[in-house]
Amino acid sequence: PPLSTPAKAYPLYKADLCAERMGCIGSKPDAYDANGECAPIEGPHGIERRTKKFDKPIWTWNTQQDGPIDPERLTRMRVEFWDTQPHYGGDKVIWDALKAACEADIETARILVDAAGIIVAAPDMSICYDERGARYELPRYVLSNPSNLHV
C-alpha cells in the first residue's frame, strides 16, 4: 500500500520507495541503480537518494574556524540543538526517535529509525524524512563525535 501523500507541495516520492530491509517497493526495473542502491528520487531540494544502509559520519572539527572543541562544548551544542530544532517543524515523535538514534550505537540506531518509519536520504543520516514528507536535517555534531575531540 502506498504511503500517505507528502505534507509539502513538492514531489518527494518517486514511483518506487526504498525501505531499508525490504528493498524497493514495487517491481519497476529502474528502482535500483547499477550499484544496487535505490534509484534517485526528486526531493524538495533536488535529486536525492534513499539509502538502504547508513552509518554515523567520521569528521573533523574545524578548530581554525570554530575554535577548540571539548566534551562540554559539544554537549552544550547538542542540548541546544535538541531543545530548539523541534520547534521549527516536523513531528515531535520523529525528533525524539532521531535523538535516540543519534545517541545509540549504529545497530540500535538503524532499528530505531526503521521502527519510526524514518526515511534516511543521506548515508550519514544527516538528511531524513518522515512518511508525510517532512524533512529533518541533523548537523554532524549530533550524529557523532569529531575525530579531533579534546578529552
C-alpha atoms as a PDB file:
ATOM      1  CA  PRO A   1       0.000   0.000   0.000  1.00  0.00           C
ATOM      2  CA  PRO A   2       1.314   3.488  -0.798  1.00  0.00           C
ATOM      3  CA  LEU A   3       2.444   5.812   1.950  1.00  0.00           C
ATOM      4  CA  SER A   4       0.427   8.901   2.757  1.00  0.00           C
ATOM      5  CA  THR A   5       0.698  11.892   0.465  1.00  0.00           C
ATOM      6  CA  PRO A   6       3.595  14.204   1.362  1.00  0.00           C
ATOM      7  CA  ALA A   7       2.599  17.134   3.546  1.00  0.00           C
ATOM      8  CA  LYS A   8       4.523  19.590   1.339  1.00  0.00           C
ATOM      9  CA  ALA A   9       3.599  20.609  -2.207  1.00  0.00           C
ATOM     10  CA  TYR A  10       6.755  19.188  -3.812  1.00  0.00           C
ATOM     11  CA  PRO A  11       7.282  15.742  -5.364  1.00  0.00           C
ATOM     12  CA  LEU A  12       9.025  13.788  -2.620  1.00  0.00           C
ATOM     13  CA  TYR A  13       8.312  10.271  -3.756  1.00  0.00           C
ATOM     14  CA  LYS A  14       9.328   8.504  -6.941  1.00  0.00           C
ATOM     15  CA  ALA A  15       7.110   5.627  -8.100  1.00  0.00           C
ATOM     16  CA  ASP A  16       9.234   3.241  -6.072  1.00  0.00           C
ATOM     17  CA  LEU A  17      10.146   3.855  -2.448  1.00  0.00           C
ATOM     18  CA  CYS A  18      13.096   2.246  -0.744  1.00  0.00           C
ATOM     19  CA  ALA A  19      12.867   0.634   2.635  1.00  0.00           C
ATOM     20  CA  GLU A  20      15.995  -0.418   4.489  1.00  0.00           C
ATOM     21  CA  ARG A  21      15.125  -4.096   4.869  1.00  0.00           C
ATOM     22  CA  MET A  22      12.624  -4.676   2.096  1.00  0.00           C
ATOM     23  CA  GLY A  23      14.463  -3.048  -0.814  1.00  0.00           C
ATOM     24  CA  CYS A  24      12.444  -1.044  -3.253  1.00  0.00           C
ATOM     25  CA  ILE A  25       8.700  -1.360  -3.041  1.00  0.00           C
ATOM     26  CA  GLY A  26       7.234  -2.265  -6.407  1.00  0.00           C
ATOM     27  CA  SER A  27       8.708  -4.102  -9.315  1.00  0.00           C
ATOM     28  CA  LYS A  28       9.915  -1.473 -11.756  1.00  0.00           C
ATOM     29  CA  PRO A  29      13.351  -2.299 -13.175  1.00  0.00           C
ATOM     30  CA  ASP A  30      14.634   1.269 -12.617  1.00  0.00           C
ATOM     31  CA  ALA A  31      14.130   1.086  -8.854  1.00  0.00           C
ATOM     32  CA  TYR A  32      17.839   0.290  -8.304  1.00  0.00           C
ATOM     33  CA  ASP A  33      20.923   1.808  -9.894  1.00  0.00           C
ATOM     34  CA  ALA A  34      23.984  -0.152 -11.091  1.00  0.00           C
ATOM     35  CA  ASN A  35      25.451  -0.208  -7.563  1.00  0.00           C
ATOM     36  CA  GLY A  36      22.357  -1.825  -6.061  1.00  0.00           C
ATOM     37  CA  GLU A  37      21.316   1.395  -4.370  1.00  0.00           C
ATOM     38  CA  CYS A  38      17.850   2.821  -4.715  1.00  0.00           C
ATOM     39  CA  ALA A  39      17.409   4.984  -7.795  1.00  0.00           C
ATOM     40  CA  PRO A  40      17.482   8.778  -7.410  1.00  0.00           C
ATOM     41  CA  ILE A  41      14.293  10.483  -6.291  1.00  0.00           C
ATOM     42  CA  GLU A  42      13.179  14.058  -6.742  1.00  0.00           C
ATOM     43  CA  GLY A  43      13.187  15.662  -3.301  1.00  0.00           C
ATOM     44  CA  PRO A  44      12.326  19.170  -2.174  1.00  0.00           C
ATOM     45  CA  HIS A  45      15.948  20.211  -2.652  1.00  0.00           C
ATOM     46  CA  GLY A  46      16.727  18.394  -5.923  1.00  0.00           C
ATOM     47  CA  ILE A  47      17.731  14.817  -6.664  1.00  0.00           C
ATOM     48  CA  GLU A  48      18.396  12.706  -3.589  1.00  0.00           C
ATOM     49  CA  ARG A  49      18.791   9.016  -2.871  1.00  0.00           C
ATOM     50  CA  ARG A  50      17.217   6.870  -0.214  1.00  0.00           C
ATOM     51  CA  THR A  51      19.952   4.791   1.322  1.00  0.00           C
ATOM     52  CA  LYS A  52      19.458   1.184   2.286  1.00  0.00           C
ATOM     53  CA  LYS A  53      22.286   1.455   4.785  1.00  0.00           C
ATOM     54  CA  PHE A  54      23.614   4.392   6.752  1.00  0.00           C
ATOM     55  CA  ASP A  55      26.457   4.996   9.135  1.00  0.00           C
ATOM     56  CA  LYS A  56      27.452   7.721  11.536  1.00  0.00           C
ATOM     57  CA  PRO A  57      29.834  10.249   9.977  1.00  0.00           C
ATOM     58  CA  ILE A  58      33.549  10.440  10.667  1.00  0.00           C
ATOM     59  CA  TRP A  59      34.513  14.091  10.634  1.00  0.00           C
ATOM     60  CA  THR A  60      36.970  16.645  11.986  1.00  0.00           C
ATOM     61  CA  TRP A  61      36.066  19.803  13.885  1.00  0.00           C
ATOM     62  CA  ASN A  62      37.458  22.919  12.180  1.00  0.00           C
ATOM     63  CA  THR A  63      39.363  24.491  15.084  1.00  0.00           C
ATOM     64  CA  GLN A  64      40.653  27.394  12.981  1.00  0.00           C
ATOM     65  CA  GLN A  65      37.155  28.481  12.012  1.00  0.00           C
ATOM     66  CA  ASP A  66      35.116  27.393  15.043  1.00  0.00           C
ATOM     67  CA  GLY A  67      37.642  27.420  17.875  1.00  0.00           C
ATOM     68  CA  PRO A  68      38.625  24.477  20.054  1.00  0.00           C
ATOM     69  CA  ILE A  69      36.109  21.759  20.885  1.00  0.00           C
ATOM     70  CA  ASP A  70      35.894  19.859  24.146  1.00  0.00           C
ATOM     71  CA  PRO A  71      33.272  17.439  25.515  1.00  0.00           C
ATOM     72  CA  GLU A  72      31.483  20.169  27.485  1.00  0.00           C
ATOM     73  CA  ARG A  73      31.094  22.461  24.477  1.00  0.00           C
ATOM     74  CA  LEU A  74      29.906  19.561  22.303  1.00  0.00           C
ATOM     75  CA  THR A  75      27.330  18.604  24.943  1.00  0.00           C
ATOM     76  CA  ARG A  76      26.070  22.212  25.132  1.00  0.00           C
ATOM     77  CA  MET A  77      25.725  22.379  21.357  1.00  0.00           C
ATOM     78  CA  ARG A  78      23.794  19.112  21.275  1.00  0.00           C
ATOM     79  CA  VAL A  79      21.470  20.157  24.094  1.00  0.00           C
ATOM     80  CA  GLU A  80      20.787  23.467  22.356  1.00  0.00           C
ATOM     81  CA  PHE A  81      20.047  21.712  19.055  1.00  0.00           C
ATOM     82  CA  TRP A  82      17.652  19.158  20.542  1.00  0.00           C
ATOM     83  CA  ASP A  83      15.917  21.821  22.659  1.00  0.00           C
ATOM     84  CA  THR A  84      15.299  24.205  19.755  1.00  0.00           C
ATOM     85  CA  GLN A  85      15.117  22.248  16.486  1.00  0.00           C
ATOM     86  CA  PRO A  86      11.738  20.521  17.073  1.00  0.00           C
ATOM     87  CA  HIS A  87      10.092  23.945  17.440  1.00  0.00           C
ATOM     88  CA  TYR A  88      10.835  24.730  13.774  1.00  0.00           C
ATOM     89  CA  GLY A  89       8.657  21.971  12.340  1.00  0.00           C
ATOM     90  CA  GLY A  90       8.332  18.264  11.987  1.00  0.00           C
ATOM     91  CA  ASP A  91       6.829  15.693  14.294  1.00  0.00           C
ATOM     92  CA  LYS A  92       7.998  15.564  17.924  1.00  0.00           C
ATOM     93  CA  VAL A  93       7.858  11.754  17.848  1.00  0.00           C
ATOM     94  CA  ILE A  94      10.231  11.718  14.865  1.00  0.00           C
ATOM     95  CA  TRP A  95      12.576  14.203  16.545  1.00  0.00           C
ATOM     96  CA  ASP A  96      12.610  12.014  19.666  1.00  0.00           C
ATOM     97  CA  ALA A  97      13.368   8.921  17.573  1.00  0.00           C
ATOM     98  CA  LEU A  98      16.163  10.765  15.744  1.00  0.00           C
ATOM     99  CA  LYS A  99      17.663  11.918  19.033  1.00  0.00           C
ATOM    100  CA  ALA A 100      17.579   8.381  20.434  1.00  0.00           C
ATOM    101  CA  ALA A 101      19.151   7.067  17.215  1.00  0.00           C
ATOM    102  CA  CYS A 102      21.913   9.689  17.367  1.00  0.00           C
ATOM    103  CA  GLU A 103      22.746   8.741  20.943  1.00  0.00           C
ATOM    104  CA  ALA A 104      22.711   4.971  20.264  1.00  0.00           C
ATOM    105  CA  ASP A 105      25.212   2.615  18.660  1.00  0.00           C
ATOM    106  CA  ILE A 106      24.747   2.173  14.896  1.00  0.00           C
ATOM    107  CA  GLU A 107      22.798  -1.107  15.045  1.00  0.00           C
ATOM    108  CA  THR A 108      20.330   0.281  17.586  1.00  0.00           C
ATOM    109  CA  ALA A 109      20.108   3.496  15.555  1.00  0.00           C
ATOM    110  CA  ARG A 110      19.101   1.515  12.468  1.00  0.00           C
ATOM    111  CA  ILE A 111      16.407  -0.328  14.430  1.00  0.00           C
ATOM    112  CA  LEU A 112      15.035   2.928  15.891  1.00  0.00           C
ATOM    113  CA  VAL A 113      14.954   4.650  12.504  1.00  0.00           C
ATOM    114  CA  ASP A 114      13.243   1.671  10.889  1.00  0.00           C
ATOM    115  CA  ALA A 115      10.677   1.353  13.694  1.00  0.00           C
ATOM    116  CA  ALA A 116       9.786   5.058  13.495  1.00  0.00           C
ATOM    117  CA  GLY A 117       9.281   4.887   9.721  1.00  0.00           C
ATOM    118  CA  ILE A 118      12.049   7.406   9.103  1.00  0.00           C
ATOM    119  CA  ILE A 119      13.396   7.578   5.561  1.00  0.00           C
ATOM    120  CA  VAL A 120      17.152   8.178   5.574  1.00  0.00           C
ATOM    121  CA  ALA A 121      18.148  10.183   2.494  1.00  0.00           C
ATOM    122  CA  ALA A 122      21.873  10.634   3.238  1.00  0.00           C
ATOM    123  CA  PRO A 123      24.374   7.860   4.001  1.00  0.00           C
ATOM    124  CA  ASP A 124      25.415   9.644   7.214  1.00  0.00           C
ATOM    125  CA  MET A 125      21.816  10.168   8.446  1.00  0.00           C
ATOM    126  CA  SER A 126      22.155  13.955   8.153  1.00  0.00           C
ATOM    127  CA  ILE A 127      19.035  14.229   5.965  1.00  0.00           C
ATOM    128  CA  CYS A 128      15.902  12.279   6.826  1.00  0.00           C
ATOM    129  CA  TYR A 129      12.196  12.424   6.026  1.00  0.00           C
ATOM    130  CA  ASP A 130       9.161  11.179   7.836  1.00  0.00           C
ATOM    131  CA  GLU A 131       6.446   9.285   5.977  1.00  0.00           C
ATOM    132  CA  ARG A 132       4.477  12.504   5.475  1.00  0.00           C
ATOM    133  CA  GLY A 133       7.344  14.206   3.646  1.00  0.00           C
ATOM    134  CA  ALA A 134       8.705  16.497   6.368  1.00  0.00           C
ATOM    135  CA  ARG A 135      12.482  16.990   6.079  1.00  0.00           C
ATOM    136  CA  TYR A 136      14.766  16.643   9.108  1.00  0.00           C
ATOM    137  CA  GLU A 137      18.337  17.930   8.880  1.00  0.00           C
ATOM    138  CA  LEU A 138      20.839  16.852  11.507  1.00  0.00           C
ATOM    139  CA  PRO A 139      24.239  18.506  11.973  1.00  0.00           C
ATOM    140  CA  ARG A 140      27.284  16.247  12.202  1.00  0.00           C
ATOM    141  CA  TYR A 141      27.895  17.195  15.819  1.00  0.00           C
ATOM    142  CA  VAL A 142      24.685  15.470  16.955  1.00  0.00           C
ATOM    143  CA  LEU A 143      25.400  12.364  14.863  1.00  0.00           C
ATOM    144  CA  SER A 144      28.893  11.557  16.140  1.00  0.00           C
ATOM    145  CA  ASN A 145      31.903  12.980  17.931  1.00  0.00           C
ATOM    146  CA  PRO A 146      34.564  14.726  15.841  1.00  0.00           C
ATOM    147  CA  SER A 147      37.773  12.754  15.387  1.00  0.00           C
ATOM    148  CA  ASN A 148      39.789  15.566  16.989  1.00  0.00           C
ATOM    149  CA  LEU A 149      37.671  15.941  20.146  1.00  0.00           C
ATOM    150  CA  HIS A 150      39.878  17.021  23.062  1.00  0.00           C
ATOM    151  CA  VAL A 151      39.059  14.838  26.030  1.00  0.00           C
END
